[in-house]
Amino acid sequence: MTTYVVLLPGDEAAWEQAPAEQRAAVYERHTEFARVLAERGHTVTGGAELAHSRTARTLRAGRDGLVVTDGPYAEAVEQLTGFYLVESDDADDLLDVCRILAGSDSILGDAKGAIEVRAVVGGEEGDA
């Protein structure tokens, strides 16, 4: 079993401006995603929707040591808006299920359909 992180980029401004019905549809898509994962033998072990990037605090090395700044690591329209940790024996099937989240009516702005899936280092069964 390997642990994967499913990264969910999105346009935070589009999300904030979306009507309640559209937000509800996105949450329903996430419920469907979790249901299909379980049906196909994948296990969600963690994850979260993230607060808006304007609430981020970033540490950077500077001439005078570490500097704390307000805001995200990178200034961009698309920010990391959430993630799932998923244990799976079948990365291809996991990617197939991720299509549910990459649907055309999701609120992702320019990142529409962009879901990133990566194996977690040390996330394979038997790794220490």
N, C-alpha and C. Protein backbone atom coordinates (compact mmCIF):
# COMPACT_ATOMS: atom_id res chain seq x y z
N MET A 1 0.86 -1.17 0.00
CA MET A 1 0.00 0.00 0.00
C MET A 1 0.90 1.23 0.00
N THR A 2 0.59 2.19 -0.83
CA THR A 2 1.34 3.44 -0.93
C THR A 2 0.43 4.59 -0.53
N THR A 3 1.00 5.57 0.15
CA THR A 3 0.24 6.77 0.50
C THR A 3 0.50 7.84 -0.55
N TYR A 4 -0.59 8.44 -1.01
CA TYR A 4 -0.52 9.52 -2.00
C TYR A 4 -1.16 10.77 -1.42
N VAL A 5 -0.68 11.92 -1.85
CA VAL A 5 -1.36 13.16 -1.53
C VAL A 5 -2.02 13.66 -2.82
N VAL A 6 -3.28 14.00 -2.70
CA VAL A 6 -4.06 14.56 -3.81
C VAL A 6 -4.17 16.05 -3.52
N LEU A 7 -3.47 16.86 -4.31
CA LEU A 7 -3.41 18.31 -4.10
C LEU A 7 -4.47 19.00 -4.94
N LEU A 8 -5.18 19.93 -4.34
CA LEU A 8 -6.31 20.59 -4.99
C LEU A 8 -6.04 22.09 -5.12
N PRO A 9 -5.56 22.52 -6.28
CA PRO A 9 -5.37 23.95 -6.50
C PRO A 9 -6.70 24.60 -6.86
N GLY A 10 -6.81 25.89 -6.62
CA GLY A 10 -8.04 26.56 -7.00
C GLY A 10 -7.90 28.07 -6.98
N ASP A 11 -8.86 28.72 -7.57
CA ASP A 11 -8.95 30.17 -7.61
C ASP A 11 -9.78 30.59 -6.40
N GLU A 12 -9.12 31.11 -5.40
CA GLU A 12 -9.80 31.46 -4.15
C GLU A 12 -10.84 32.56 -4.34
N ALA A 13 -10.57 33.51 -5.22
CA ALA A 13 -11.53 34.60 -5.48
C ALA A 13 -12.81 34.04 -6.09
N ALA A 14 -12.67 33.10 -7.03
CA ALA A 14 -13.85 32.49 -7.65
C ALA A 14 -14.67 31.75 -6.61
N TRP A 15 -13.99 31.07 -5.69
CA TRP A 15 -14.69 30.33 -4.62
C TRP A 15 -15.46 31.29 -3.73
N GLU A 16 -14.82 32.38 -3.33
CA GLU A 16 -15.47 33.35 -2.45
C GLU A 16 -16.70 33.99 -3.12
N GLN A 17 -16.66 34.15 -4.42
CA GLN A 17 -17.75 34.81 -5.15
C GLN A 17 -18.84 33.83 -5.60
N ALA A 18 -18.59 32.54 -5.47
CA ALA A 18 -19.54 31.53 -5.94
C ALA A 18 -20.80 31.54 -5.08
N PRO A 19 -21.96 31.37 -5.72
CA PRO A 19 -23.21 31.27 -4.94
C PRO A 19 -23.23 29.98 -4.11
N ALA A 20 -24.05 29.98 -3.09
CA ALA A 20 -24.14 28.84 -2.17
C ALA A 20 -24.45 27.53 -2.91
N GLU A 21 -25.30 27.60 -3.93
CA GLU A 21 -25.67 26.37 -4.67
C GLU A 21 -24.45 25.78 -5.38
N GLN A 22 -23.61 26.64 -5.92
CA GLN A 22 -22.43 26.15 -6.63
C GLN A 22 -21.42 25.55 -5.64
N ARG A 23 -21.27 26.19 -4.49
CA ARG A 23 -20.39 25.63 -3.46
C ARG A 23 -20.91 24.27 -2.99
N ALA A 24 -22.23 24.18 -2.79
CA ALA A 24 -22.83 22.91 -2.37
C ALA A 24 -22.56 21.82 -3.39
N ALA A 25 -22.62 22.15 -4.66
CA ALA A 25 -22.34 21.16 -5.72
C ALA A 25 -20.90 20.68 -5.64
N VAL A 26 -19.98 21.57 -5.33
CA VAL A 26 -18.57 21.17 -5.19
C VAL A 26 -18.41 20.24 -3.99
N TYR A 27 -19.04 20.56 -2.87
CA TYR A 27 -18.96 19.69 -1.70
C TYR A 27 -19.58 18.32 -1.99
N GLU A 28 -20.66 18.30 -2.77
CA GLU A 28 -21.26 17.02 -3.17
C GLU A 28 -20.29 16.21 -4.00
N ARG A 29 -19.53 16.87 -4.86
CA ARG A 29 -18.53 16.18 -5.67
C ARG A 29 -17.47 15.53 -4.76
N HIS A 30 -17.08 16.22 -3.69
CA HIS A 30 -16.10 15.66 -2.75
C HIS A 30 -16.67 14.46 -2.01
N THR A 31 -17.96 14.51 -1.67
CA THR A 31 -18.61 13.38 -1.03
C THR A 31 -18.61 12.18 -1.97
N GLU A 32 -18.93 12.43 -3.24
CA GLU A 32 -18.92 11.36 -4.25
C GLU A 32 -17.51 10.79 -4.42
N PHE A 33 -16.50 11.65 -4.44
CA PHE A 33 -15.10 11.24 -4.54
C PHE A 33 -14.76 10.26 -3.41
N ALA A 34 -15.09 10.63 -2.17
CA ALA A 34 -14.79 9.77 -1.02
C ALA A 34 -15.53 8.43 -1.12
N ARG A 35 -16.79 8.47 -1.57
CA ARG A 35 -17.58 7.24 -1.71
C ARG A 35 -16.95 6.31 -2.74
N VAL A 36 -16.58 6.84 -3.89
CA VAL A 36 -16.01 6.01 -4.96
C VAL A 36 -14.63 5.48 -4.54
N LEU A 37 -13.84 6.30 -3.86
CA LEU A 37 -12.55 5.81 -3.36
C LEU A 37 -12.76 4.57 -2.50
N ALA A 38 -13.68 4.65 -1.54
CA ALA A 38 -13.94 3.52 -0.64
C ALA A 38 -14.43 2.30 -1.41
N GLU A 39 -15.34 2.51 -2.36
CA GLU A 39 -15.86 1.39 -3.16
C GLU A 39 -14.76 0.67 -3.91
N ARG A 40 -13.73 1.40 -4.33
CA ARG A 40 -12.66 0.82 -5.14
C ARG A 40 -11.46 0.38 -4.32
N GLY A 41 -11.56 0.43 -3.00
CA GLY A 41 -10.51 -0.10 -2.14
C GLY A 41 -9.43 0.88 -1.75
N HIS A 42 -9.61 2.15 -2.02
CA HIS A 42 -8.67 3.18 -1.57
C HIS A 42 -9.12 3.65 -0.19
N THR A 43 -8.18 4.13 0.62
CA THR A 43 -8.51 4.58 1.96
C THR A 43 -8.06 6.01 2.17
N VAL A 44 -8.99 6.90 2.48
CA VAL A 44 -8.63 8.28 2.83
C VAL A 44 -8.17 8.26 4.27
N THR A 45 -6.94 8.72 4.51
CA THR A 45 -6.38 8.72 5.86
C THR A 45 -6.25 10.13 6.43
N GLY A 46 -6.51 11.13 5.61
CA GLY A 46 -6.43 12.51 6.09
C GLY A 46 -6.76 13.47 4.97
N GLY A 47 -6.78 14.72 5.33
CA GLY A 47 -7.04 15.76 4.36
C GLY A 47 -7.78 16.89 5.00
N ALA A 48 -7.85 18.01 4.26
CA ALA A 48 -8.55 19.18 4.78
C ALA A 48 -8.73 20.21 3.69
N GLU A 49 -9.76 21.02 3.85
CA GLU A 49 -9.90 22.24 3.07
C GLU A 49 -9.06 23.28 3.80
N LEU A 50 -8.29 24.04 3.06
CA LEU A 50 -7.39 25.01 3.68
C LEU A 50 -8.02 26.40 3.73
N ALA A 51 -7.68 27.16 4.76
CA ALA A 51 -8.12 28.55 4.86
C ALA A 51 -7.52 29.34 3.71
N HIS A 52 -8.12 30.47 3.41
CA HIS A 52 -7.66 31.34 2.32
C HIS A 52 -6.18 31.65 2.50
N SER A 53 -5.45 31.74 1.40
CA SER A 53 -4.00 31.97 1.45
C SER A 53 -3.65 33.32 2.07
N ARG A 54 -4.59 34.26 2.10
CA ARG A 54 -4.28 35.55 2.72
C ARG A 54 -4.02 35.39 4.23
N THR A 55 -4.42 34.24 4.80
CA THR A 55 -4.18 33.99 6.22
C THR A 55 -2.85 33.28 6.47
N ALA A 56 -2.14 32.96 5.39
CA ALA A 56 -0.86 32.24 5.52
C ALA A 56 0.21 33.14 6.12
N ARG A 57 1.15 32.52 6.78
CA ARG A 57 2.36 33.20 7.26
C ARG A 57 3.51 32.38 6.71
N THR A 58 4.49 33.03 6.12
CA THR A 58 5.59 32.35 5.46
C THR A 58 6.92 32.74 6.09
N LEU A 59 7.75 31.75 6.35
CA LEU A 59 9.11 31.98 6.85
C LEU A 59 10.07 31.93 5.67
N ARG A 60 10.92 32.94 5.57
CA ARG A 60 11.94 32.98 4.52
C ARG A 60 13.28 33.35 5.14
N ALA A 61 14.34 32.77 4.59
CA ALA A 61 15.68 33.14 5.02
C ALA A 61 16.03 34.48 4.39
N GLY A 62 16.52 35.40 5.20
CA GLY A 62 16.97 36.71 4.72
C GLY A 62 18.35 37.01 5.25
N ARG A 63 18.84 38.17 4.91
CA ARG A 63 20.19 38.56 5.38
C ARG A 63 20.28 38.60 6.90
N ASP A 64 19.18 38.93 7.54
CA ASP A 64 19.17 39.06 8.99
C ASP A 64 18.57 37.85 9.70
N GLY A 65 18.56 36.71 9.02
CA GLY A 65 17.98 35.50 9.60
C GLY A 65 16.62 35.22 8.99
N LEU A 66 15.79 34.50 9.72
CA LEU A 66 14.47 34.15 9.22
C LEU A 66 13.52 35.34 9.35
N VAL A 67 12.78 35.56 8.28
CA VAL A 67 11.83 36.66 8.23
C VAL A 67 10.44 36.06 8.05
N VAL A 68 9.48 36.52 8.84
CA VAL A 68 8.10 36.07 8.72
C VAL A 68 7.33 37.12 7.93
N THR A 69 6.65 36.67 6.87
CA THR A 69 5.83 37.57 6.08
C THR A 69 4.40 37.06 6.06
N ASP A 70 3.46 37.96 5.86
CA ASP A 70 2.06 37.58 5.72
C ASP A 70 1.82 37.19 4.27
N GLY A 71 1.01 36.16 4.08
CA GLY A 71 0.65 35.73 2.73
C GLY A 71 1.30 34.42 2.35
N PRO A 72 0.91 33.92 1.18
CA PRO A 72 1.37 32.61 0.72
C PRO A 72 2.83 32.62 0.26
N TYR A 73 3.37 31.43 0.10
CA TYR A 73 4.74 31.26 -0.39
C TYR A 73 4.91 31.87 -1.77
N ALA A 74 3.94 31.64 -2.64
CA ALA A 74 4.00 32.14 -4.01
C ALA A 74 2.76 32.98 -4.30
N GLU A 75 2.95 34.13 -4.91
CA GLU A 75 1.83 34.97 -5.33
C GLU A 75 1.31 34.43 -6.65
N ALA A 76 0.08 33.96 -6.66
CA ALA A 76 -0.52 33.41 -7.88
C ALA A 76 -2.03 33.41 -7.73
N VAL A 77 -2.74 33.36 -8.85
CA VAL A 77 -4.19 33.26 -8.81
C VAL A 77 -4.59 31.93 -8.20
N GLU A 78 -3.94 30.85 -8.64
CA GLU A 78 -4.24 29.53 -8.10
C GLU A 78 -3.40 29.29 -6.85
N GLN A 79 -4.06 28.83 -5.81
CA GLN A 79 -3.39 28.48 -4.57
C GLN A 79 -3.82 27.08 -4.18
N LEU A 80 -3.05 26.45 -3.31
CA LEU A 80 -3.45 25.16 -2.77
C LEU A 80 -4.65 25.40 -1.87
N THR A 81 -5.79 24.78 -2.21
CA THR A 81 -7.02 25.01 -1.45
C THR A 81 -7.41 23.84 -0.57
N GLY A 82 -6.77 22.70 -0.78
CA GLY A 82 -7.07 21.54 0.03
C GLY A 82 -6.26 20.34 -0.42
N PHE A 83 -6.39 19.26 0.32
CA PHE A 83 -5.65 18.04 0.00
C PHE A 83 -6.32 16.84 0.64
N TYR A 84 -6.02 15.67 0.09
CA TYR A 84 -6.40 14.39 0.67
C TYR A 84 -5.15 13.55 0.79
N LEU A 85 -5.05 12.74 1.83
CA LEU A 85 -4.06 11.67 1.92
C LEU A 85 -4.82 10.38 1.67
N VAL A 86 -4.34 9.60 0.69
CA VAL A 86 -5.05 8.39 0.28
C VAL A 86 -4.07 7.23 0.22
N GLU A 87 -4.41 6.12 0.86
CA GLU A 87 -3.64 4.89 0.74
C GLU A 87 -4.24 4.07 -0.39
N SER A 88 -3.36 3.58 -1.27
CA SER A 88 -3.84 2.86 -2.44
C SER A 88 -2.80 1.87 -2.93
N ASP A 89 -3.30 0.78 -3.52
CA ASP A 89 -2.44 -0.19 -4.21
C ASP A 89 -2.48 0.03 -5.72
N ASP A 90 -3.28 0.99 -6.17
CA ASP A 90 -3.49 1.16 -7.61
C ASP A 90 -3.50 2.65 -7.96
N ALA A 91 -2.32 3.18 -8.29
CA ALA A 91 -2.20 4.61 -8.60
C ALA A 91 -3.02 4.99 -9.83
N ASP A 92 -3.10 4.12 -10.82
CA ASP A 92 -3.87 4.44 -12.02
C ASP A 92 -5.35 4.56 -11.70
N ASP A 93 -5.87 3.68 -10.86
CA ASP A 93 -7.28 3.77 -10.48
C ASP A 93 -7.52 5.01 -9.62
N LEU A 94 -6.58 5.33 -8.75
CA LEU A 94 -6.70 6.55 -7.94
C LEU A 94 -6.81 7.76 -8.86
N LEU A 95 -5.97 7.83 -9.88
CA LEU A 95 -6.05 8.94 -10.84
C LEU A 95 -7.41 8.96 -11.55
N ASP A 96 -7.92 7.79 -11.86
CA ASP A 96 -9.22 7.71 -12.51
C ASP A 96 -10.31 8.29 -11.60
N VAL A 97 -10.27 7.96 -10.32
CA VAL A 97 -11.26 8.48 -9.38
C VAL A 97 -11.10 9.99 -9.21
N CYS A 98 -9.90 10.49 -9.31
CA CYS A 98 -9.66 11.94 -9.18
C CYS A 98 -10.35 12.74 -10.27
N ARG A 99 -10.74 12.08 -11.35
CA ARG A 99 -11.49 12.77 -12.41
C ARG A 99 -12.79 13.36 -11.87
N ILE A 100 -13.32 12.77 -10.82
CA ILE A 100 -14.55 13.29 -10.20
C ILE A 100 -14.32 14.73 -9.73
N LEU A 101 -13.15 15.00 -9.15
CA LEU A 101 -12.85 16.33 -8.63
C LEU A 101 -12.44 17.30 -9.72
N ALA A 102 -12.04 16.79 -10.86
CA ALA A 102 -11.55 17.64 -11.95
C ALA A 102 -12.65 17.94 -12.96
N GLY A 103 -13.89 17.82 -12.54
CA GLY A 103 -15.01 18.05 -13.45
C GLY A 103 -15.09 19.48 -13.95
N SER A 104 -15.76 19.66 -15.05
CA SER A 104 -15.79 20.95 -15.71
C SER A 104 -16.57 22.02 -14.96
N ASP A 105 -17.43 21.65 -14.01
CA ASP A 105 -18.20 22.69 -13.33
C ASP A 105 -17.63 23.02 -11.95
N SER A 106 -16.40 22.55 -11.66
CA SER A 106 -15.80 22.89 -10.38
C SER A 106 -15.29 24.33 -10.42
N ILE A 107 -15.12 24.91 -9.25
CA ILE A 107 -14.70 26.31 -9.14
C ILE A 107 -13.18 26.33 -8.99
N LEU A 108 -12.50 26.21 -10.10
CA LEU A 108 -11.04 26.17 -10.04
C LEU A 108 -10.39 27.26 -10.87
N GLY A 109 -11.15 28.10 -11.51
CA GLY A 109 -10.57 29.18 -12.30
C GLY A 109 -9.67 28.63 -13.39
N ASP A 110 -8.50 29.26 -13.57
CA ASP A 110 -7.56 28.84 -14.62
C ASP A 110 -6.99 27.46 -14.38
N ALA A 111 -7.05 26.99 -13.13
CA ALA A 111 -6.51 25.66 -12.79
C ALA A 111 -7.56 24.58 -13.00
N LYS A 112 -8.69 24.93 -13.63
CA LYS A 112 -9.80 23.99 -13.78
C LYS A 112 -9.29 22.64 -14.27
N GLY A 113 -9.63 21.62 -13.54
CA GLY A 113 -9.25 20.28 -13.93
C GLY A 113 -7.86 19.87 -13.48
N ALA A 114 -7.10 20.77 -12.86
CA ALA A 114 -5.74 20.44 -12.45
C ALA A 114 -5.76 19.85 -11.04
N ILE A 115 -5.57 18.56 -10.97
CA ILE A 115 -5.44 17.87 -9.70
C ILE A 115 -4.07 17.22 -9.72
N GLU A 116 -3.27 17.44 -8.70
CA GLU A 116 -1.93 16.85 -8.64
C GLU A 116 -1.92 15.70 -7.65
N VAL A 117 -1.39 14.56 -8.08
CA VAL A 117 -1.30 13.38 -7.22
C VAL A 117 0.17 13.00 -7.11
N ARG A 118 0.66 12.88 -5.89
CA ARG A 118 2.06 12.50 -5.66
C ARG A 118 2.15 11.45 -4.56
N ALA A 119 3.08 10.54 -4.74
CA ALA A 119 3.37 9.58 -3.67
C ALA A 119 4.09 10.32 -2.54
N VAL A 120 3.80 9.91 -1.33
CA VAL A 120 4.46 10.48 -0.15
C VAL A 120 5.77 9.73 0.06
N VAL A 121 6.86 10.46 0.24
CA VAL A 121 8.16 9.82 0.48
C VAL A 121 8.06 9.01 1.77
N GLY A 122 8.44 7.77 1.72
CA GLY A 122 8.34 6.89 2.87
C GLY A 122 6.92 6.40 3.10
N GLY A 123 6.04 6.64 2.13
CA GLY A 123 4.63 6.28 2.30
C GLY A 123 4.27 4.89 1.81
N GLU A 124 5.29 4.04 1.59
CA GLU A 124 4.99 2.68 1.16
C GLU A 124 5.03 1.74 2.35
N GLU A 125 4.16 0.75 2.34
CA GLU A 125 4.08 -0.22 3.42
C GLU A 125 5.46 -0.83 3.64
N GLY A 126 5.86 -0.87 4.88
CA GLY A 126 7.16 -1.45 5.23
C GLY A 126 8.26 -0.41 5.33
N ASP A 127 8.02 0.84 4.87
CA ASP A 127 9.01 1.90 5.01
C ASP A 127 9.05 2.34 6.46
N ALA A 128 10.21 2.72 6.89
CA ALA A 128 10.34 3.22 8.28
C ALA A 128 10.28 4.70 8.31
